[in-house]
Protein backbone atom coordinates (compact mmCIF):
# COMPACT_ATOMS: atom_id res chain seq x y z
CA MET A 1 6.79 -12.94 -3.46
CA ILE A 2 6.97 -11.06 -6.77
CA GLU A 3 9.89 -11.03 -9.18
CA ALA A 4 9.38 -9.34 -12.55
CA ARG A 5 11.97 -10.54 -15.06
CA ALA A 6 12.45 -8.30 -18.12
CA LEU A 7 8.71 -7.99 -18.67
CA THR A 8 7.81 -6.64 -22.10
CA LYS A 9 4.40 -6.09 -23.67
CA SER A 10 3.93 -4.82 -27.22
CA PHE A 11 0.75 -3.87 -29.03
CA HIS A 12 0.21 -3.24 -32.73
CA ASP A 13 -1.36 0.02 -33.87
CA LYS A 14 -2.50 0.35 -37.49
CA LYS A 15 -1.11 3.88 -37.83
CA ARG A 16 1.94 3.77 -35.57
CA GLY A 17 3.01 0.16 -35.85
CA GLU A 18 4.41 -1.59 -32.78
CA ILE A 19 3.92 0.16 -29.46
CA ARG A 20 5.97 -1.19 -26.57
CA ALA A 21 3.83 -0.39 -23.53
CA VAL A 22 6.19 -2.22 -21.14
CA ASP A 23 9.85 -2.46 -22.06
CA GLY A 24 12.06 -4.85 -20.09
CA VAL A 25 10.74 -4.07 -16.61
CA SER A 26 12.45 -5.96 -13.75
CA PHE A 27 11.94 -5.54 -10.01
CA THR A 28 11.32 -7.52 -6.82
CA ALA A 29 8.55 -6.98 -4.25
CA ALA A 30 8.97 -8.75 -0.91
CA SER A 31 6.52 -10.16 1.62
CA GLY A 32 5.42 -7.73 4.31
CA ARG A 33 6.40 -4.77 2.14
CA ILE A 34 4.60 -2.26 -0.07
CA TYR A 35 6.11 -1.63 -3.50
CA GLY A 36 4.87 1.65 -4.98
CA LEU A 37 4.70 1.79 -8.78
CA LEU A 38 4.50 5.36 -10.05
CA GLY A 39 4.06 6.72 -13.54
CA ALA A 40 2.13 9.25 -15.58
CA ASN A 41 -0.89 8.19 -17.63
CA GLY A 42 0.30 5.94 -20.44
CA ALA A 43 3.67 5.23 -18.80
CA GLY A 44 3.03 1.48 -18.64
CA LYS A 45 2.25 0.95 -14.97
CA THR A 46 -1.28 -0.43 -15.41
CA THR A 47 -0.10 -2.74 -18.19
CA THR A 48 2.66 -3.96 -15.85
CA LEU A 49 0.11 -4.68 -13.12
CA ARG A 50 -2.10 -6.58 -15.57
CA LEU A 51 0.87 -8.69 -16.63
CA LEU A 52 1.58 -9.59 -13.00
CA ALA A 53 -2.09 -10.46 -12.43
CA THR A 54 -2.12 -12.64 -15.62
CA LEU A 55 -4.79 -10.50 -17.29
CA LEU A 56 -2.29 -9.98 -20.10
CA LYS A 57 0.41 -12.34 -21.42
CA PRO A 58 3.93 -10.88 -21.78
CA THR A 59 5.35 -10.51 -25.26
CA THR A 60 8.72 -11.47 -23.77
CA GLY A 61 10.01 -11.96 -20.25
CA THR A 62 8.04 -13.32 -17.32
CA ALA A 63 7.37 -12.87 -13.60
CA ILE A 64 7.29 -15.16 -10.61
CA VAL A 65 4.32 -14.39 -8.36
CA ALA A 66 3.76 -16.32 -5.11
CA GLY A 67 6.15 -18.98 -6.39
CA HIS A 68 4.45 -19.46 -9.78
CA ASP A 69 5.39 -18.33 -13.28
CA VAL A 70 2.79 -16.00 -14.85
CA VAL A 71 3.36 -17.56 -18.28
CA ALA A 72 3.69 -21.24 -17.34
CA ALA A 73 1.13 -21.37 -14.52
CA PRO A 74 -1.30 -18.42 -14.73
CA GLY A 75 -4.10 -20.30 -12.95
CA LYS A 76 -1.94 -20.90 -9.89
CA VAL A 77 -0.91 -17.23 -9.87
CA ARG A 78 -4.54 -16.08 -9.91
CA ALA A 79 -5.34 -18.22 -6.87
CA ASP A 80 -2.80 -16.25 -4.83
CA VAL A 81 -3.43 -12.75 -6.21
CA GLY A 82 -6.04 -10.09 -5.51
CA PHE A 83 -6.05 -7.39 -8.22
CA LEU A 84 -8.06 -4.21 -7.75
CA ALA A 85 -8.28 -2.58 -11.18
CA ALA A 86 -9.18 1.07 -11.59
CA SER A 87 -11.98 0.22 -14.04
CA THR A 88 -13.63 -2.67 -12.18
CA ALA A 89 -17.44 -2.42 -11.97
CA LEU A 90 -20.04 -3.96 -9.66
CA TYR A 91 -23.31 -5.70 -10.50
CA GLY A 92 -25.89 -3.18 -9.32
CA ARG A 93 -28.71 -5.61 -8.49
CA LEU A 94 -26.63 -7.47 -5.90
CA THR A 95 -26.01 -6.30 -2.36
CA ALA A 96 -22.43 -5.80 -1.20
CA ARG A 97 -22.66 -9.03 0.80
CA GLU A 98 -23.95 -10.95 -2.22
CA MET A 99 -21.23 -9.47 -4.43
CA ILE A 100 -18.44 -10.45 -2.06
CA ALA A 101 -19.96 -13.90 -1.48
CA TYR A 102 -20.18 -14.52 -5.23
CA PHE A 103 -16.46 -13.90 -5.67
CA GLY A 104 -15.72 -15.89 -2.53
CA ARG A 105 -17.45 -18.94 -4.01
CA LEU A 106 -15.55 -18.45 -7.28
CA ASN A 107 -12.39 -18.73 -5.18
CA GLY A 108 -13.48 -21.90 -3.38
CA LEU A 109 -14.94 -20.45 -0.17
CA ASP A 110 -18.33 -21.43 1.23
CA GLY A 111 -20.35 -21.86 4.39
CA THR A 112 -18.99 -20.59 7.70
CA ALA A 113 -15.56 -19.78 6.27
CA LEU A 114 -17.11 -17.45 3.69
CA ARG A 115 -19.45 -15.78 6.18
CA ASP A 116 -16.60 -15.20 8.63
CA ARG A 117 -14.39 -13.75 5.90
CA ILE A 118 -17.12 -11.34 4.75
CA ASN A 119 -17.72 -10.16 8.31
CA LEU A 120 -14.00 -9.66 8.90
CA LEU A 121 -13.63 -7.55 5.76
CA ALA A 122 -16.75 -5.58 6.69
CA ASP A 123 -15.14 -4.85 10.06
CA GLN A 124 -11.83 -3.81 8.55
CA LEU A 125 -13.39 -1.62 5.84
CA ASP A 126 -16.29 -0.28 7.97
CA MET A 127 -18.96 -1.72 5.63
CA HIS A 128 -21.67 -2.96 8.00
CA ASP A 129 -23.95 0.05 7.41
CA PHE A 130 -24.32 -0.80 3.72
CA LEU A 131 -23.39 -4.48 3.55
CA ASP A 132 -26.97 -5.53 2.75
CA ARG A 133 -27.83 -2.66 0.42
CA ARG A 134 -27.83 -2.98 -3.38
CA CYS A 135 -24.69 -1.79 -5.14
CA ASP A 136 -26.56 0.49 -7.57
CA LYS A 137 -27.41 2.80 -4.65
CA PHE A 138 -23.82 3.18 -3.45
CA SER A 139 -21.58 6.23 -3.26
CA THR A 140 -18.17 6.06 -4.91
CA GLY A 141 -16.55 5.19 -1.58
CA MET A 142 -19.00 2.38 -0.87
CA LYS A 143 -18.39 0.94 -4.33
CA GLN A 144 -14.63 1.06 -3.84
CA LYS A 145 -14.77 -0.64 -0.44
CA THR A 146 -16.99 -3.37 -1.93
CA SER A 147 -14.58 -3.79 -4.84
CA ILE A 148 -11.65 -4.17 -2.44
CA ALA A 149 -13.54 -6.70 -0.31
CA ARG A 150 -14.52 -8.83 -3.29
CA THR A 151 -10.95 -8.66 -4.63
CA LEU A 152 -9.44 -9.87 -1.35
CA VAL A 153 -12.17 -12.20 -0.09
CA HIS A 154 -9.95 -15.27 -0.63
CA ASP A 155 -7.17 -13.72 1.50
CA PRO A 156 -4.48 -13.81 -1.22
CA ALA A 157 -0.79 -13.61 -0.42
CA VAL A 158 -0.25 -10.95 -3.09
CA MET A 159 -2.36 -7.79 -3.35
CA ILE A 160 -2.22 -5.39 -6.30
CA PHE A 161 -3.95 -2.02 -5.99
CA ASP A 162 -4.30 0.22 -9.06
CA GLU A 163 -5.31 3.76 -8.02
CA PRO A 164 -7.45 2.55 -5.07
CA THR A 165 -8.27 6.06 -3.74
CA LEU A 166 -9.03 7.72 -7.09
CA GLY A 167 -12.06 10.01 -6.78
CA LEU A 168 -12.68 9.29 -3.10
CA ASP A 169 -13.36 11.75 -0.30
CA VAL A 170 -10.65 12.32 2.29
CA MET A 171 -12.09 10.09 5.01
CA THR A 172 -12.74 7.13 2.70
CA ALA A 173 -9.27 7.48 1.17
CA ARG A 174 -7.74 7.50 4.66
CA ALA A 175 -9.66 4.34 5.57
CA ILE A 176 -8.38 2.54 2.48
CA VAL A 177 -4.78 3.66 3.07
CA LYS A 178 -5.08 2.34 6.64
CA PHE A 179 -6.43 -0.98 5.32
CA VAL A 180 -3.54 -1.31 2.84
CA ARG A 181 -1.06 -0.68 5.65
CA GLN A 182 -2.75 -3.42 7.70
CA CYS A 183 -2.36 -5.82 4.76
CA ARG A 184 1.38 -5.18 4.79
CA ASP A 185 1.54 -5.62 8.54
CA ARG A 186 -0.09 -9.05 8.14
CA GLY A 187 2.78 -10.11 5.90
CA LYS A 188 1.13 -9.63 2.50
CA THR A 189 3.05 -8.58 -0.58
CA VAL A 190 1.49 -5.33 -1.80
CA ILE A 191 1.99 -3.45 -5.06
CA TYR A 192 0.42 -0.01 -4.88
CA SER A 193 -0.05 2.29 -7.86
CA THR A 194 -1.15 5.87 -7.24
CA HIS A 195 -0.80 9.48 -8.40
CA VAL A 196 -1.14 10.77 -4.83
CA MET A 197 2.39 11.52 -3.67
CA SER A 198 1.39 11.84 -0.01
CA GLU A 199 0.20 8.22 -0.13
CA VAL A 200 3.55 7.17 -1.55
CA GLU A 201 5.35 8.87 1.32
CA LYS A 202 3.07 7.31 3.95
CA LEU A 203 2.86 3.77 2.58
CA CYS A 204 5.61 2.63 0.27
CA ASP A 205 8.71 0.80 1.46
CA THR A 206 10.21 0.71 -2.03
CA ILE A 207 9.26 2.93 -4.98
CA GLY A 208 9.64 2.18 -8.67
CA ILE A 209 9.14 4.97 -11.22
CA ILE A 210 8.10 3.89 -14.69
CA HIS A 211 8.33 6.13 -17.77
CA GLY A 212 7.95 5.23 -21.43
CA GLY A 213 7.42 1.60 -20.43
CA ARG A 214 10.77 1.41 -18.61
CA LEU A 215 11.66 1.43 -14.93
CA VAL A 216 13.76 4.60 -14.74
CA ALA A 217 14.35 4.80 -10.98
CA GLU A 218 13.92 2.59 -7.93
CA GLY A 219 14.67 2.79 -4.23
CA THR A 220 13.37 3.76 -0.82
CA LEU A 221 11.98 7.25 -0.32
CA ASP A 222 15.21 8.39 1.32
CA GLU A 223 17.34 6.84 -1.43
CA LEU A 224 15.36 8.59 -4.18
CA ARG A 225 15.46 11.92 -2.34
CA THR A 226 19.23 11.64 -2.04
CA ARG A 227 19.72 10.55 -5.64
CA PHE A 228 17.69 13.42 -7.13
CA GLY A 229 18.51 16.06 -4.53
CA GLU A 230 14.89 16.80 -3.66
CA THR A 231 12.77 16.29 -0.53
CA ASP A 232 9.39 16.74 -2.23
CA MET A 233 8.26 13.47 -3.84
CA GLU A 234 6.60 15.26 -6.74
CA GLU A 235 9.90 16.93 -7.61
CA VAL A 236 11.68 13.59 -7.30
CA PHE A 237 9.22 12.06 -9.74
CA VAL A 238 9.58 14.88 -12.30
CA LYS A 239 13.38 14.67 -12.20
CA ALA A 240 13.31 10.87 -12.48
CA VAL A 241 11.30 10.95 -15.72
CA GLY A 242 13.60 13.55 -17.28
CA GLY A 243 12.03 16.85 -16.26
CA GLU A 244 8.87 18.79 -17.07
CA ALA A 245 9.40 18.69 -20.85
CA ALA A 246 9.75 14.91 -20.92
CA LEU A 247 6.67 14.47 -18.73
CA GLU A 248 4.56 16.79 -20.87
CA ALA A 249 5.67 15.00 -24.05
CA ALA A 250 4.74 11.63 -22.56
CA LEU A 251 1.30 12.90 -21.53
CA LYS A 252 0.66 14.28 -25.02
CA GLU A 253 1.68 10.97 -26.57
CA SER A 254 -0.62 9.09 -24.22
CA SER A 255 -3.55 11.35 -25.08
CA ALA A 256 -2.94 10.82 -28.80
CA ARG A 257 -3.29 7.04 -28.56
């Protein structure tokens, strides 16, 4: 359902010149599977996700998402993709139900079909207690559940989650992880970006590690453990990016941007 083909994205900085945020990234994510995309801040993972969701246009390369080319047919890609961005905000004066319904209508839903879809998502995400409350009164967990519901209201074939449990309490994070697993079990193609290594171990069928804009390692959890001679996923990640020194240098570079 997703095939990234040498995706590259460059930006121009007045002081530093060309910055290649994504550098020739290629991978495949299949239906009914969760592809975990891991990387430190500034490694290029969020830019990669935005390219797949057609929020950014590749400098070179392309991707096929749900059978459509992100460069040649971005509108068709968007119809089949739900993208939960880490920075997405809600309109505080609307209730959760109104917020989800608004995005449902943008995606062509209405009437009974829309009402049924909202109720189903409220069931799956345990939202009924706050479904008719205004978003400006929500906790972080309530906001995140509403953001997920509005992202997936049109039941897309491809689901992209960028740090979906960031800043959440344990119980809310567990509920969202369970929901993501259910999406996979229903045959969806899921790309999941996170810094929480325990989530990677619980959820991801295939893991791609991105560093300096490049995909430096890829495989199942067992394959990566064998390749790097470590059982702890955090240690696997550090070795994959070149060790502690390389990771610290990348973080410093990211902070300087």
